[in-house]
Amino acid sequence: MERLINYFKLLSDETRLRIMVLLYHNEFCVCQITGMTGIFQPNISKHLARLRDMGLVKDEKREQYSYYSLNIKDKLFEDILKKIVPNVEDYPILKSDIEKSKAAEKYIELTSMNK
């Protein structure tokens, strides 16, 4: 029961919810999440650490950056996110974050093609 309560505590924070929805779509480094959300880097890092401590995100070091991705092994939490993500149209801030993430993905693709 405690794990379920912790899930809802995590999701009750707007910043963590925004991070989880972004990571549902793709992996990102802290600087990308900062750029998409407009939230300061120390704040994003603090929330990512909390999500990592709960085992919901994992990080992978590449050169000087750490990239974060979802690490959801709990079916219930996965189902909760699957219910939220298709309804981002109802939540303007989540919709805006997703649109910015798609623009970031296009930029990443273009820069990697030019190398």
C-alpha atoms as a PDB file:
ATOM      1  CA  MET A   1       0.000   0.000   0.000  1.00  0.00           C
ATOM      2  CA  GLU A   2       2.861   2.393   0.795  1.00  0.00           C
ATOM      3  CA  ARG A   3       4.222   2.125  -2.757  1.00  0.00           C
ATOM      4  CA  LEU A   4       0.832   3.097  -4.205  1.00  0.00           C
ATOM      5  CA  ILE A   5       0.620   6.109  -1.895  1.00  0.00           C
ATOM      6  CA  ASN A   6       4.136   7.128  -2.968  1.00  0.00           C
ATOM      7  CA  TYR A   7       3.111   6.916  -6.644  1.00  0.00           C
ATOM      8  CA  PHE A   8       0.255   9.298  -6.076  1.00  0.00           C
ATOM      9  CA  LYS A   9       2.481  11.629  -4.051  1.00  0.00           C
ATOM     10  CA  LEU A  10       4.939  11.659  -6.941  1.00  0.00           C
ATOM     11  CA  LEU A  11       2.223  12.375  -9.472  1.00  0.00           C
ATOM     12  CA  SER A  12       0.644  15.053  -7.296  1.00  0.00           C
ATOM     13  CA  ASP A  13       3.620  17.316  -8.004  1.00  0.00           C
ATOM     14  CA  GLU A  14       3.212  19.205 -11.287  1.00  0.00           C
ATOM     15  CA  THR A  15       6.912  19.196 -12.151  1.00  0.00           C
ATOM     16  CA  ARG A  16       7.306  15.450 -11.625  1.00  0.00           C
ATOM     17  CA  LEU A  17       4.166  14.750 -13.603  1.00  0.00           C
ATOM     18  CA  ARG A  18       5.450  16.895 -16.473  1.00  0.00           C
ATOM     19  CA  ILE A  19       8.795  15.072 -16.400  1.00  0.00           C
ATOM     20  CA  MET A  20       7.100  11.656 -16.403  1.00  0.00           C
ATOM     21  CA  VAL A  21       4.899  12.564 -19.371  1.00  0.00           C
ATOM     22  CA  LEU A  22       7.917  13.844 -21.315  1.00  0.00           C
ATOM     23  CA  LEU A  23       9.919  10.713 -20.536  1.00  0.00           C
ATOM     24  CA  TYR A  24       6.951   8.591 -21.574  1.00  0.00           C
ATOM     25  CA  HIS A  25       7.626   9.806 -25.117  1.00  0.00           C
ATOM     26  CA  ASN A  26      11.415   9.825 -25.250  1.00  0.00           C
ATOM     27  CA  GLU A  27      14.611   9.988 -23.231  1.00  0.00           C
ATOM     28  CA  PHE A  28      16.064  13.398 -22.460  1.00  0.00           C
ATOM     29  CA  CYS A  29      18.951  15.000 -20.619  1.00  0.00           C
ATOM     30  CA  VAL A  30      18.362  17.524 -17.856  1.00  0.00           C
ATOM     31  CA  CYS A  31      19.154  20.482 -20.115  1.00  0.00           C
ATOM     32  CA  GLN A  32      16.516  19.364 -22.640  1.00  0.00           C
ATOM     33  CA  ILE A  33      13.874  18.926 -19.932  1.00  0.00           C
ATOM     34  CA  THR A  34      14.809  22.355 -18.567  1.00  0.00           C
ATOM     35  CA  GLY A  35      14.390  23.898 -22.019  1.00  0.00           C
ATOM     36  CA  MET A  36      11.028  22.246 -22.645  1.00  0.00           C
ATOM     37  CA  THR A  37       9.498  23.013 -19.256  1.00  0.00           C
ATOM     38  CA  GLY A  38      11.127  26.355 -18.473  1.00  0.00           C
ATOM     39  CA  ILE A  39      11.923  25.072 -14.976  1.00  0.00           C
ATOM     40  CA  PHE A  40      15.377  25.751 -13.548  1.00  0.00           C
ATOM     41  CA  GLN A  41      17.960  22.965 -13.803  1.00  0.00           C
ATOM     42  CA  PRO A  42      18.481  22.409 -10.042  1.00  0.00           C
ATOM     43  CA  ASN A  43      14.744  21.913  -9.607  1.00  0.00           C
ATOM     44  CA  ILE A  44      14.559  19.426 -12.511  1.00  0.00           C
ATOM     45  CA  SER A  45      17.584  17.539 -11.163  1.00  0.00           C
ATOM     46  CA  LYS A  46      16.023  17.314  -7.696  1.00  0.00           C
ATOM     47  CA  HIS A  47      12.810  15.842  -9.107  1.00  0.00           C
ATOM     48  CA  LEU A  48      14.686  13.418 -11.371  1.00  0.00           C
ATOM     49  CA  ALA A  49      16.675  12.206  -8.354  1.00  0.00           C
ATOM     50  CA  ARG A  50      13.453  11.550  -6.464  1.00  0.00           C
ATOM     51  CA  LEU A  51      11.981   9.654  -9.428  1.00  0.00           C
ATOM     52  CA  ARG A  52      15.221   7.683  -9.777  1.00  0.00           C
ATOM     53  CA  ASP A  53      15.209   6.846  -6.056  1.00  0.00           C
ATOM     54  CA  MET A  54      11.702   5.434  -6.493  1.00  0.00           C
ATOM     55  CA  GLY A  55      12.968   3.361  -9.419  1.00  0.00           C
ATOM     56  CA  LEU A  56      10.703   5.096 -11.936  1.00  0.00           C
ATOM     57  CA  VAL A  57      13.454   6.594 -14.079  1.00  0.00           C
ATOM     58  CA  LYS A  58      16.934   5.460 -14.955  1.00  0.00           C
ATOM     59  CA  ASP A  59      19.864   7.465 -16.170  1.00  0.00           C
ATOM     60  CA  GLU A  60      22.626   6.699 -18.608  1.00  0.00           C
ATOM     61  CA  LYS A  61      25.795   8.744 -18.843  1.00  0.00           C
ATOM     62  CA  ARG A  62      26.826   9.714 -22.393  1.00  0.00           C
ATOM     63  CA  GLU A  63      29.845  11.950 -22.666  1.00  0.00           C
ATOM     64  CA  GLN A  64      29.152  14.866 -20.295  1.00  0.00           C
ATOM     65  CA  TYR A  65      25.361  14.379 -20.145  1.00  0.00           C
ATOM     66  CA  SER A  66      23.076  12.027 -18.256  1.00  0.00           C
ATOM     67  CA  TYR A  67      20.041  10.919 -20.233  1.00  0.00           C
ATOM     68  CA  TYR A  68      16.916   9.917 -18.365  1.00  0.00           C
ATOM     69  CA  SER A  69      14.251   7.454 -19.422  1.00  0.00           C
ATOM     70  CA  LEU A  70      11.313   5.725 -17.785  1.00  0.00           C
ATOM     71  CA  ASN A  71      11.965   2.549 -15.856  1.00  0.00           C
ATOM     72  CA  ILE A  72       8.475   1.451 -14.990  1.00  0.00           C
ATOM     73  CA  LYS A  73       8.165  -2.156 -13.920  1.00  0.00           C
ATOM     74  CA  ASP A  74       4.924  -1.776 -12.010  1.00  0.00           C
ATOM     75  CA  LYS A  75       1.847  -2.475 -14.168  1.00  0.00           C
ATOM     76  CA  LEU A  76      -0.398  -0.192 -12.127  1.00  0.00           C
ATOM     77  CA  PHE A  77       1.879   2.822 -12.515  1.00  0.00           C
ATOM     78  CA  GLU A  78       2.309   2.093 -16.213  1.00  0.00           C
ATOM     79  CA  ASP A  79      -1.476   1.966 -16.585  1.00  0.00           C
ATOM     80  CA  ILE A  80      -1.838   5.289 -14.770  1.00  0.00           C
ATOM     81  CA  LEU A  81       0.563   6.958 -17.208  1.00  0.00           C
ATOM     82  CA  LYS A  82      -1.167   5.314 -20.162  1.00  0.00           C
ATOM     83  CA  LYS A  83      -4.413   6.935 -19.013  1.00  0.00           C
ATOM     84  CA  ILE A  84      -2.841  10.380 -18.663  1.00  0.00           C
ATOM     85  CA  VAL A  85      -0.801  10.578 -21.871  1.00  0.00           C
ATOM     86  CA  PRO A  86      -3.611  10.182 -24.437  1.00  0.00           C
ATOM     87  CA  ASN A  87      -5.522  12.966 -22.704  1.00  0.00           C
ATOM     88  CA  VAL A  88      -2.816  15.663 -22.783  1.00  0.00           C
ATOM     89  CA  GLU A  89      -5.143  17.759 -24.952  1.00  0.00           C
ATOM     90  CA  ASP A  90      -7.122  18.377 -21.755  1.00  0.00           C
ATOM     91  CA  TYR A  91      -4.042  19.794 -19.997  1.00  0.00           C
ATOM     92  CA  PRO A  92      -2.502  22.778 -21.835  1.00  0.00           C
ATOM     93  CA  ILE A  93       0.827  22.692 -19.991  1.00  0.00           C
ATOM     94  CA  LEU A  94       1.342  18.978 -20.769  1.00  0.00           C
ATOM     95  CA  LYS A  95       0.302  19.562 -24.359  1.00  0.00           C
ATOM     96  CA  SER A  96       2.819  22.392 -24.666  1.00  0.00           C
ATOM     97  CA  ASP A  97       5.587  20.226 -23.183  1.00  0.00           C
ATOM     98  CA  ILE A  98       4.853  17.428 -25.680  1.00  0.00           C
ATOM     99  CA  GLU A  99       4.875  19.867 -28.606  1.00  0.00           C
ATOM    100  CA  LYS A 100       8.244  21.222 -27.454  1.00  0.00           C
ATOM    101  CA  SER A 101       9.586  17.680 -27.087  1.00  0.00           C
ATOM    102  CA  LYS A 102       8.584  16.876 -30.662  1.00  0.00           C
ATOM    103  CA  ALA A 103      10.384  19.993 -31.858  1.00  0.00           C
ATOM    104  CA  ALA A 104      13.450  18.935 -29.854  1.00  0.00           C
ATOM    105  CA  GLU A 105      13.323  15.453 -31.413  1.00  0.00           C
ATOM    106  CA  LYS A 106      13.288  16.978 -34.905  1.00  0.00           C
ATOM    107  CA  TYR A 107      16.263  19.168 -34.014  1.00  0.00           C
ATOM    108  CA  ILE A 108      18.182  16.160 -32.652  1.00  0.00           C
ATOM    109  CA  GLU A 109      17.449  14.190 -35.843  1.00  0.00           C
ATOM    110  CA  LEU A 110      18.608  17.084 -38.049  1.00  0.00           C
ATOM    111  CA  THR A 111      21.832  17.650 -36.146  1.00  0.00           C
ATOM    112  CA  SER A 112      22.692  13.932 -36.126  1.00  0.00           C
ATOM    113  CA  MET A 113      22.088  13.738 -39.894  1.00  0.00           C
ATOM    114  CA  ASN A 114      24.514  16.634 -40.464  1.00  0.00           C
ATOM    115  CA  LYS A 115      27.390  14.898 -38.684  1.00  0.00           C
END
